[in-house]
Protein backbone atom coordinates (compact mmCIF):
# COMPACT_ATOMS: atom_id res chain seq x y z
CA MET A 1 60.16 -15.80 39.81
CA ASN A 2 60.55 -13.35 42.66
CA ALA A 3 60.21 -15.51 45.81
CA THR A 4 60.27 -14.95 49.54
CA THR A 5 60.23 -17.12 52.64
CA ILE A 6 57.38 -16.97 55.14
CA GLN A 7 56.96 -18.79 58.42
CA LEU A 8 53.83 -20.89 58.88
CA ASP A 9 52.64 -23.12 61.70
CA LYS A 10 53.20 -26.78 60.91
CA THR A 11 49.47 -27.43 61.30
CA LEU A 12 48.76 -24.82 58.62
CA VAL A 13 51.30 -26.45 56.29
CA GLU A 14 49.53 -29.81 56.78
CA THR A 15 46.19 -28.15 56.02
CA LEU A 16 47.65 -26.63 52.86
CA LYS A 17 49.01 -30.03 51.80
CA SER A 18 45.59 -31.62 52.19
CA ALA A 19 43.94 -28.78 50.24
CA ARG A 20 46.05 -29.26 47.11
CA GLU A 21 44.16 -30.00 43.91
CA TYR A 22 46.97 -32.24 42.70
CA PRO A 23 50.11 -33.59 44.46
CA ARG A 24 52.69 -31.35 42.78
CA GLN A 25 50.70 -28.12 43.14
CA THR A 26 52.88 -25.45 44.75
CA TYR A 27 51.80 -23.58 47.85
CA SER A 28 52.08 -20.39 45.81
CA GLU A 29 49.53 -21.69 43.26
CA LEU A 30 47.27 -22.97 46.01
CA ILE A 31 47.30 -19.71 47.95
CA LYS A 32 46.75 -17.71 44.75
CA ASN A 33 43.65 -19.81 43.97
CA MET A 34 42.39 -19.48 47.54
CA LEU A 35 42.78 -15.71 47.39
CA GLN A 36 40.83 -15.52 44.12
CA VAL A 37 37.96 -17.47 45.70
CA PHE A 38 38.11 -15.31 48.84
CA GLN A 39 38.02 -12.07 46.85
CA SER A 40 35.12 -13.32 44.73
CA ILE A 41 33.11 -14.24 47.82
CA LYS A 42 33.95 -10.91 49.43
CA LYS A 43 32.63 -9.00 46.38
CA LYS A 44 29.46 -11.10 46.35
CA ASN A 45 28.87 -10.45 50.06
CA GLN A 46 29.29 -6.71 49.53
CA TYR A 47 26.68 -6.85 46.75
CA ASP A 48 24.30 -8.89 48.94
CA GLU A 49 24.69 -6.41 51.81
CA PHE A 50 23.99 -3.53 49.42
CA LEU A 51 20.79 -5.20 48.18
CA HIS A 52 19.70 -5.98 51.73
CA LYS A 53 20.06 -2.33 52.77
CA ILE A 54 18.01 -1.17 49.78
CA GLN A 55 15.31 -3.76 50.50
CA GLN A 56 15.07 -2.77 54.18
CA VAL A 57 13.75 0.68 53.25
CA LYS A 58 11.09 -0.76 50.95
CA MET A 59 10.05 -3.43 53.46
CA LYS A 60 9.56 -0.78 56.17
CA GLU A 61 7.44 1.18 53.72
CA LEU A 62 5.32 -1.88 52.92
CA TRP A 63 4.95 -3.30 56.41
CA ASN A 64 4.95 -0.25 58.69
CA ASN A 65 1.77 1.48 57.59
CA LYS A 66 -1.46 2.54 59.28
CA ALA A 67 -3.64 0.24 57.17
CA ASP A 68 -1.86 -2.86 58.51
CA ASP A 69 -2.05 -1.53 62.06
CA ALA A 70 -5.80 -1.05 61.69
CA TRP A 71 -6.23 -4.72 60.65
CA GLU A 72 -4.24 -5.93 63.65
CA ASN A 73 -6.55 -4.04 66.02
CA ALA A 74 -9.82 -5.04 64.27
C-alpha cells in the first residue's frame, strides 16, 4: 500500500472514529466509502438540476399564457 500522512483536527478524528461501520475499520476505508457516497449524491444533484432547468421552460410555457391571464381578469 502506498500511504501518506495527513494532519487532521482532533475533533475531526473523533468524528471519524464515531462514523466507523465497525471498530477495526481504517480511516482510509471510511474516507473511501464517504467519497463514494459524496460522488453519488453529487451526480444525482447534477441530474436533478438538469431536469429542473428543462422543466422551467415548459412550466413557463404552460403558465405564462394569455388564456390564463384572461381568466384572472374575468
